[in-house]
Amino acid sequence: MILKTFCEIISQEVFPSIRALVAQILIEKYGYTQTKVSKILGVTQPAISYYLSGKRGGKRLEMFRKDEKLMELVNRLAKCIVEDDDECGAKAMVDIINYIKDNEELMVKILGPKYRDRIRLWKKIRVVYEP
């Protein structure tokens, strides 16, 4: 039996890559500085530098970049951040989590086939946003 929970998997295996993608979008598309992005994402400026170089969150970056729907959701999150809309950002994060969780193929790519039974169990979990 694998004891990692869905929340652990998301925080350890998914969020670093999502942060890296958001940081890249904020810097390249919206002209933010690394310092400003670090404050927004609650990490250090060196962490942002690591995100941009692929040293942190890089394991999944190319896989995530190739997923058009996921990138659409990540771009929406970045736009919510630019618009300083916390509710929009919270909804975008929930949509990202649910999209990844519901995509069994993507989850297997992230975690490996040994998690397949656990992934099917996690699909029954529904993450919701209630303001």
N, C-alpha and C. Protein backbone atom coordinates (compact mmCIF):
# COMPACT_ATOMS: atom_id res chain seq x y z
N MET A 1 0.85 -1.20 0.00
CA MET A 1 0.00 0.00 0.00
C MET A 1 0.89 1.25 0.00
N ILE A 2 0.55 2.19 -0.85
CA ILE A 2 1.29 3.44 -0.94
C ILE A 2 0.61 4.45 -0.02
N LEU A 3 1.38 5.04 0.88
CA LEU A 3 0.78 5.88 1.90
C LEU A 3 0.72 7.37 1.55
N LYS A 4 1.31 7.76 0.46
CA LYS A 4 1.23 9.18 0.09
C LYS A 4 -0.21 9.54 -0.24
N THR A 5 -0.62 10.70 0.22
CA THR A 5 -1.97 11.17 -0.07
C THR A 5 -1.97 11.99 -1.35
N PHE A 6 -3.15 12.23 -1.87
CA PHE A 6 -3.30 13.06 -3.07
C PHE A 6 -2.69 14.44 -2.83
N CYS A 7 -2.95 15.03 -1.67
CA CYS A 7 -2.43 16.37 -1.38
C CYS A 7 -0.90 16.38 -1.36
N GLU A 8 -0.28 15.33 -0.80
CA GLU A 8 1.18 15.25 -0.80
C GLU A 8 1.72 15.18 -2.22
N ILE A 9 1.09 14.35 -3.03
CA ILE A 9 1.53 14.19 -4.41
C ILE A 9 1.44 15.53 -5.15
N ILE A 10 0.33 16.22 -5.01
CA ILE A 10 0.15 17.50 -5.69
C ILE A 10 1.20 18.51 -5.22
N SER A 11 1.40 18.60 -3.90
CA SER A 11 2.34 19.61 -3.40
C SER A 11 3.79 19.27 -3.76
N GLN A 12 4.14 18.00 -3.81
CA GLN A 12 5.52 17.62 -4.10
C GLN A 12 5.82 17.45 -5.57
N GLU A 13 4.87 16.93 -6.32
CA GLU A 13 5.13 16.54 -7.70
C GLU A 13 4.55 17.48 -8.75
N VAL A 14 3.57 18.30 -8.37
CA VAL A 14 2.88 19.14 -9.35
C VAL A 14 3.13 20.63 -9.12
N PHE A 15 2.93 21.11 -7.90
CA PHE A 15 3.01 22.55 -7.65
C PHE A 15 4.34 23.19 -8.04
N PRO A 16 5.49 22.55 -7.80
CA PRO A 16 6.73 23.21 -8.24
C PRO A 16 6.74 23.50 -9.74
N SER A 17 6.25 22.59 -10.53
CA SER A 17 6.21 22.81 -11.98
C SER A 17 5.18 23.88 -12.35
N ILE A 18 4.05 23.88 -11.69
CA ILE A 18 3.03 24.92 -11.95
C ILE A 18 3.59 26.29 -11.59
N ARG A 19 4.28 26.39 -10.43
CA ARG A 19 4.91 27.66 -10.05
C ARG A 19 5.92 28.09 -11.11
N ALA A 20 6.71 27.14 -11.60
CA ALA A 20 7.71 27.46 -12.62
C ALA A 20 7.04 28.02 -13.88
N LEU A 21 5.95 27.40 -14.29
CA LEU A 21 5.23 27.86 -15.48
C LEU A 21 4.63 29.24 -15.26
N VAL A 22 4.02 29.45 -14.10
CA VAL A 22 3.42 30.76 -13.79
C VAL A 22 4.51 31.83 -13.75
N ALA A 23 5.64 31.52 -13.11
CA ALA A 23 6.74 32.48 -13.04
C ALA A 23 7.20 32.87 -14.44
N GLN A 24 7.37 31.88 -15.29
CA GLN A 24 7.81 32.15 -16.66
C GLN A 24 6.80 33.03 -17.41
N ILE A 25 5.52 32.73 -17.26
CA ILE A 25 4.49 33.53 -17.94
C ILE A 25 4.49 34.96 -17.42
N LEU A 26 4.55 35.13 -16.10
CA LEU A 26 4.52 36.47 -15.52
C LEU A 26 5.72 37.30 -15.99
N ILE A 27 6.86 36.67 -16.11
CA ILE A 27 8.07 37.39 -16.52
C ILE A 27 8.07 37.65 -18.02
N GLU A 28 7.79 36.62 -18.82
CA GLU A 28 7.91 36.76 -20.27
C GLU A 28 6.72 37.47 -20.91
N LYS A 29 5.52 37.19 -20.44
CA LYS A 29 4.33 37.76 -21.07
C LYS A 29 3.93 39.10 -20.46
N TYR A 30 4.11 39.21 -19.14
CA TYR A 30 3.62 40.41 -18.45
C TYR A 30 4.73 41.34 -17.98
N GLY A 31 5.98 40.97 -18.19
CA GLY A 31 7.09 41.86 -17.87
C GLY A 31 7.41 42.01 -16.40
N TYR A 32 6.99 41.09 -15.59
CA TYR A 32 7.29 41.16 -14.17
C TYR A 32 8.77 40.85 -13.95
N THR A 33 9.32 41.37 -12.85
CA THR A 33 10.69 41.04 -12.47
C THR A 33 10.69 39.76 -11.63
N GLN A 34 11.85 39.13 -11.54
CA GLN A 34 11.97 37.94 -10.70
C GLN A 34 11.63 38.27 -9.25
N THR A 35 12.02 39.44 -8.79
CA THR A 35 11.75 39.84 -7.40
C THR A 35 10.24 39.97 -7.17
N LYS A 36 9.55 40.61 -8.11
CA LYS A 36 8.10 40.77 -7.97
C LYS A 36 7.41 39.41 -7.99
N VAL A 37 7.82 38.53 -8.88
CA VAL A 37 7.22 37.20 -8.96
C VAL A 37 7.50 36.41 -7.68
N SER A 38 8.70 36.57 -7.13
CA SER A 38 9.03 35.84 -5.90
C SER A 38 8.11 36.26 -4.76
N LYS A 39 7.81 37.55 -4.68
CA LYS A 39 6.89 38.02 -3.63
C LYS A 39 5.48 37.50 -3.85
N ILE A 40 5.04 37.50 -5.09
CA ILE A 40 3.69 37.02 -5.40
C ILE A 40 3.55 35.54 -5.09
N LEU A 41 4.56 34.74 -5.47
CA LEU A 41 4.48 33.30 -5.28
C LEU A 41 4.95 32.85 -3.89
N GLY A 42 5.46 33.79 -3.09
CA GLY A 42 5.86 33.45 -1.74
C GLY A 42 7.12 32.59 -1.66
N VAL A 43 8.02 32.82 -2.59
CA VAL A 43 9.30 32.11 -2.60
C VAL A 43 10.41 33.14 -2.75
N THR A 44 11.65 32.70 -2.65
CA THR A 44 12.78 33.62 -2.80
C THR A 44 13.05 33.91 -4.28
N GLN A 45 13.78 34.99 -4.53
CA GLN A 45 14.17 35.31 -5.90
C GLN A 45 15.07 34.21 -6.48
N PRO A 46 16.02 33.65 -5.69
CA PRO A 46 16.79 32.53 -6.25
C PRO A 46 15.92 31.34 -6.65
N ALA A 47 14.83 31.10 -5.92
CA ALA A 47 13.91 30.02 -6.30
C ALA A 47 13.31 30.30 -7.67
N ILE A 48 12.97 31.56 -7.93
CA ILE A 48 12.43 31.93 -9.24
C ILE A 48 13.48 31.68 -10.31
N SER A 49 14.73 32.03 -10.03
CA SER A 49 15.80 31.77 -10.97
C SER A 49 15.91 30.27 -11.25
N TYR A 50 15.79 29.46 -10.22
CA TYR A 50 15.83 28.00 -10.40
C TYR A 50 14.63 27.52 -11.22
N TYR A 51 13.45 28.09 -10.97
CA TYR A 51 12.27 27.72 -11.77
C TYR A 51 12.52 28.01 -13.25
N LEU A 52 13.06 29.19 -13.53
CA LEU A 52 13.26 29.61 -14.91
C LEU A 52 14.33 28.77 -15.62
N SER A 53 15.30 28.30 -14.87
CA SER A 53 16.37 27.49 -15.47
C SER A 53 16.00 26.00 -15.53
N GLY A 54 14.88 25.64 -14.89
CA GLY A 54 14.47 24.24 -14.87
C GLY A 54 15.12 23.43 -13.77
N LYS A 55 15.91 24.08 -12.90
CA LYS A 55 16.54 23.36 -11.79
C LYS A 55 15.54 23.00 -10.70
N ARG A 56 14.45 23.73 -10.64
CA ARG A 56 13.39 23.43 -9.68
C ARG A 56 12.09 23.35 -10.47
N GLY A 57 11.34 22.27 -10.25
CA GLY A 57 10.08 22.08 -10.96
C GLY A 57 10.27 21.59 -12.39
N GLY A 58 11.51 21.37 -12.78
CA GLY A 58 11.81 21.05 -14.17
C GLY A 58 11.44 19.66 -14.62
N LYS A 59 11.32 18.73 -13.67
CA LYS A 59 11.03 17.35 -14.05
C LYS A 59 9.78 17.22 -14.90
N ARG A 60 8.80 18.03 -14.66
CA ARG A 60 7.52 17.91 -15.32
C ARG A 60 7.25 19.00 -16.35
N LEU A 61 8.13 19.98 -16.44
CA LEU A 61 7.84 21.16 -17.25
C LEU A 61 7.51 20.85 -18.70
N GLU A 62 8.33 20.08 -19.37
CA GLU A 62 8.07 19.80 -20.78
C GLU A 62 6.77 19.04 -20.97
N MET A 63 6.51 18.09 -20.08
CA MET A 63 5.26 17.33 -20.16
C MET A 63 4.06 18.27 -20.00
N PHE A 64 4.15 19.18 -19.03
CA PHE A 64 3.05 20.12 -18.80
C PHE A 64 2.91 21.10 -19.96
N ARG A 65 4.03 21.58 -20.50
CA ARG A 65 3.98 22.54 -21.60
C ARG A 65 3.30 21.95 -22.84
N LYS A 66 3.41 20.66 -23.03
CA LYS A 66 2.81 20.00 -24.19
C LYS A 66 1.31 19.79 -24.04
N ASP A 67 0.79 19.96 -22.85
CA ASP A 67 -0.63 19.75 -22.59
C ASP A 67 -1.37 21.08 -22.76
N GLU A 68 -2.05 21.24 -23.89
CA GLU A 68 -2.69 22.52 -24.22
C GLU A 68 -3.72 22.95 -23.18
N LYS A 69 -4.54 22.03 -22.72
CA LYS A 69 -5.57 22.37 -21.73
C LYS A 69 -4.93 22.83 -20.43
N LEU A 70 -3.91 22.12 -19.98
CA LEU A 70 -3.23 22.51 -18.75
C LEU A 70 -2.60 23.89 -18.90
N MET A 71 -1.97 24.15 -20.05
CA MET A 71 -1.35 25.45 -20.26
C MET A 71 -2.40 26.57 -20.33
N GLU A 72 -3.56 26.25 -20.87
CA GLU A 72 -4.66 27.23 -20.88
C GLU A 72 -5.03 27.59 -19.44
N LEU A 73 -5.11 26.58 -18.56
CA LEU A 73 -5.45 26.81 -17.16
C LEU A 73 -4.35 27.59 -16.43
N VAL A 74 -3.10 27.27 -16.72
CA VAL A 74 -1.97 27.96 -16.08
C VAL A 74 -1.93 29.42 -16.55
N ASN A 75 -2.18 29.66 -17.83
CA ASN A 75 -2.25 31.04 -18.32
C ASN A 75 -3.38 31.80 -17.66
N ARG A 76 -4.50 31.13 -17.43
CA ARG A 76 -5.62 31.78 -16.73
C ARG A 76 -5.21 32.16 -15.31
N LEU A 77 -4.49 31.27 -14.63
CA LEU A 77 -4.01 31.57 -13.28
C LEU A 77 -3.08 32.79 -13.30
N ALA A 78 -2.18 32.83 -14.26
CA ALA A 78 -1.26 33.97 -14.36
C ALA A 78 -2.04 35.27 -14.59
N LYS A 79 -3.06 35.21 -15.44
CA LYS A 79 -3.88 36.41 -15.69
C LYS A 79 -4.60 36.85 -14.42
N CYS A 80 -5.09 35.90 -13.64
CA CYS A 80 -5.75 36.23 -12.37
C CYS A 80 -4.77 36.94 -11.44
N ILE A 81 -3.52 36.47 -11.44
CA ILE A 81 -2.49 37.10 -10.61
C ILE A 81 -2.25 38.53 -11.07
N VAL A 82 -2.12 38.73 -12.37
CA VAL A 82 -1.89 40.06 -12.93
C VAL A 82 -3.04 40.99 -12.57
N GLU A 83 -4.25 40.46 -12.61
CA GLU A 83 -5.44 41.26 -12.29
C GLU A 83 -5.67 41.38 -10.79
N ASP A 84 -4.80 40.76 -9.99
CA ASP A 84 -4.89 40.79 -8.52
C ASP A 84 -6.27 40.33 -8.04
N ASP A 85 -6.76 39.27 -8.66
CA ASP A 85 -8.08 38.72 -8.36
C ASP A 85 -7.92 37.38 -7.64
N ASP A 86 -7.96 37.45 -6.31
CA ASP A 86 -7.74 36.24 -5.50
C ASP A 86 -8.78 35.16 -5.76
N GLU A 87 -10.04 35.55 -5.92
CA GLU A 87 -11.09 34.56 -6.16
C GLU A 87 -10.86 33.85 -7.49
N CYS A 88 -10.53 34.61 -8.51
CA CYS A 88 -10.22 34.04 -9.82
C CYS A 88 -9.03 33.09 -9.70
N GLY A 89 -7.99 33.50 -8.97
CA GLY A 89 -6.81 32.66 -8.79
C GLY A 89 -7.13 31.36 -8.07
N ALA A 90 -7.96 31.45 -7.04
CA ALA A 90 -8.35 30.24 -6.29
C ALA A 90 -9.12 29.28 -7.19
N LYS A 91 -10.04 29.82 -7.98
CA LYS A 91 -10.80 28.97 -8.91
C LYS A 91 -9.87 28.35 -9.95
N ALA A 92 -8.92 29.12 -10.45
CA ALA A 92 -7.98 28.60 -11.45
C ALA A 92 -7.14 27.47 -10.86
N MET A 93 -6.68 27.63 -9.62
CA MET A 93 -5.90 26.57 -8.98
C MET A 93 -6.73 25.30 -8.81
N VAL A 94 -7.97 25.44 -8.38
CA VAL A 94 -8.85 24.28 -8.23
C VAL A 94 -9.05 23.60 -9.58
N ASP A 95 -9.23 24.38 -10.62
CA ASP A 95 -9.40 23.80 -11.97
C ASP A 95 -8.15 23.06 -12.42
N ILE A 96 -6.98 23.61 -12.10
CA ILE A 96 -5.73 22.93 -12.44
C ILE A 96 -5.63 21.60 -11.70
N ILE A 97 -5.88 21.63 -10.41
CA ILE A 97 -5.80 20.40 -9.60
C ILE A 97 -6.77 19.35 -10.11
N ASN A 98 -8.01 19.74 -10.36
CA ASN A 98 -9.00 18.78 -10.83
C ASN A 98 -8.66 18.25 -12.22
N TYR A 99 -8.15 19.12 -13.09
CA TYR A 99 -7.78 18.66 -14.43
C TYR A 99 -6.70 17.59 -14.33
N ILE A 100 -5.68 17.85 -13.56
CA ILE A 100 -4.58 16.89 -13.42
C ILE A 100 -5.09 15.61 -12.77
N LYS A 101 -5.85 15.73 -11.72
CA LYS A 101 -6.37 14.57 -11.00
C LYS A 101 -7.25 13.70 -11.88
N ASP A 102 -8.05 14.31 -12.70
CA ASP A 102 -9.00 13.57 -13.55
C ASP A 102 -8.34 12.98 -14.79
N ASN A 103 -7.11 13.37 -15.08
CA ASN A 103 -6.41 12.90 -16.28
C ASN A 103 -5.51 11.74 -15.87
N GLU A 104 -6.05 10.53 -15.93
CA GLU A 104 -5.32 9.35 -15.47
C GLU A 104 -4.00 9.17 -16.21
N GLU A 105 -4.00 9.40 -17.50
CA GLU A 105 -2.77 9.25 -18.28
C GLU A 105 -1.68 10.21 -17.79
N LEU A 106 -2.06 11.45 -17.54
CA LEU A 106 -1.12 12.45 -17.05
C LEU A 106 -0.62 12.08 -15.65
N MET A 107 -1.52 11.64 -14.79
CA MET A 107 -1.13 11.24 -13.43
C MET A 107 -0.16 10.07 -13.46
N VAL A 108 -0.37 9.12 -14.34
CA VAL A 108 0.54 7.98 -14.45
C VAL A 108 1.91 8.47 -14.94
N LYS A 109 1.93 9.42 -15.86
CA LYS A 109 3.20 9.98 -16.33
C LYS A 109 3.93 10.69 -15.19
N ILE A 110 3.18 11.36 -14.34
CA ILE A 110 3.77 12.09 -13.23
C ILE A 110 4.32 11.13 -12.18
N LEU A 111 3.53 10.12 -11.84
CA LEU A 111 3.85 9.26 -10.69
C LEU A 111 4.41 7.89 -11.04
N GLY A 112 4.08 7.41 -12.21
CA GLY A 112 4.50 6.07 -12.58
C GLY A 112 3.37 5.06 -12.41
N PRO A 113 3.48 3.93 -13.07
CA PRO A 113 2.39 2.94 -13.08
C PRO A 113 2.10 2.31 -11.72
N LYS A 114 3.06 2.32 -10.79
CA LYS A 114 2.80 1.71 -9.49
C LYS A 114 1.68 2.43 -8.73
N TYR A 115 1.38 3.65 -9.13
CA TYR A 115 0.33 4.43 -8.48
C TYR A 115 -1.03 4.29 -9.17
N ARG A 116 -1.12 3.49 -10.22
CA ARG A 116 -2.34 3.44 -11.03
C ARG A 116 -3.61 3.19 -10.19
N ASP A 117 -3.58 2.23 -9.27
CA ASP A 117 -4.76 1.96 -8.45
C ASP A 117 -5.10 3.15 -7.56
N ARG A 118 -4.08 3.77 -7.01
CA ARG A 118 -4.29 4.93 -6.14
C ARG A 118 -4.85 6.09 -6.97
N ILE A 119 -4.35 6.26 -8.19
CA ILE A 119 -4.83 7.33 -9.08
C ILE A 119 -6.32 7.14 -9.36
N ARG A 120 -6.73 5.93 -9.60
CA ARG A 120 -8.16 5.66 -9.84
C ARG A 120 -8.99 6.00 -8.62
N LEU A 121 -8.46 5.74 -7.44
CA LEU A 121 -9.16 6.09 -6.21
C LEU A 121 -9.26 7.62 -6.07
N TRP A 122 -8.17 8.30 -6.37
CA TRP A 122 -8.15 9.75 -6.25
C TRP A 122 -9.13 10.43 -7.21
N LYS A 123 -9.44 9.79 -8.33
CA LYS A 123 -10.37 10.39 -9.28
C LYS A 123 -11.74 10.63 -8.64
N LYS A 124 -12.03 9.90 -7.57
CA LYS A 124 -13.32 10.05 -6.89
C LYS A 124 -13.35 11.30 -6.00
N ILE A 125 -12.18 11.84 -5.70
CA ILE A 125 -12.09 13.05 -4.88
C ILE A 125 -12.48 14.25 -5.72
N ARG A 126 -13.27 15.13 -5.20
CA ARG A 126 -13.64 16.34 -5.93
C ARG A 126 -13.13 17.53 -5.13
N VAL A 127 -12.24 18.30 -5.72
CA VAL A 127 -11.75 19.51 -5.11
C VAL A 127 -12.67 20.64 -5.54
N VAL A 128 -13.17 21.41 -4.59
CA VAL A 128 -14.10 22.49 -4.91
C VAL A 128 -13.62 23.80 -4.32
N TYR A 129 -14.09 24.87 -4.90
CA TYR A 129 -13.84 26.21 -4.37
C TYR A 129 -15.19 26.78 -3.95
N GLU A 130 -15.25 27.17 -2.68
CA GLU A 130 -16.47 27.80 -2.18
C GLU A 130 -16.08 29.08 -1.46
N PRO A 131 -16.39 30.22 -2.05
CA PRO A 131 -16.01 31.50 -1.42
C PRO A 131 -16.76 31.74 -0.13
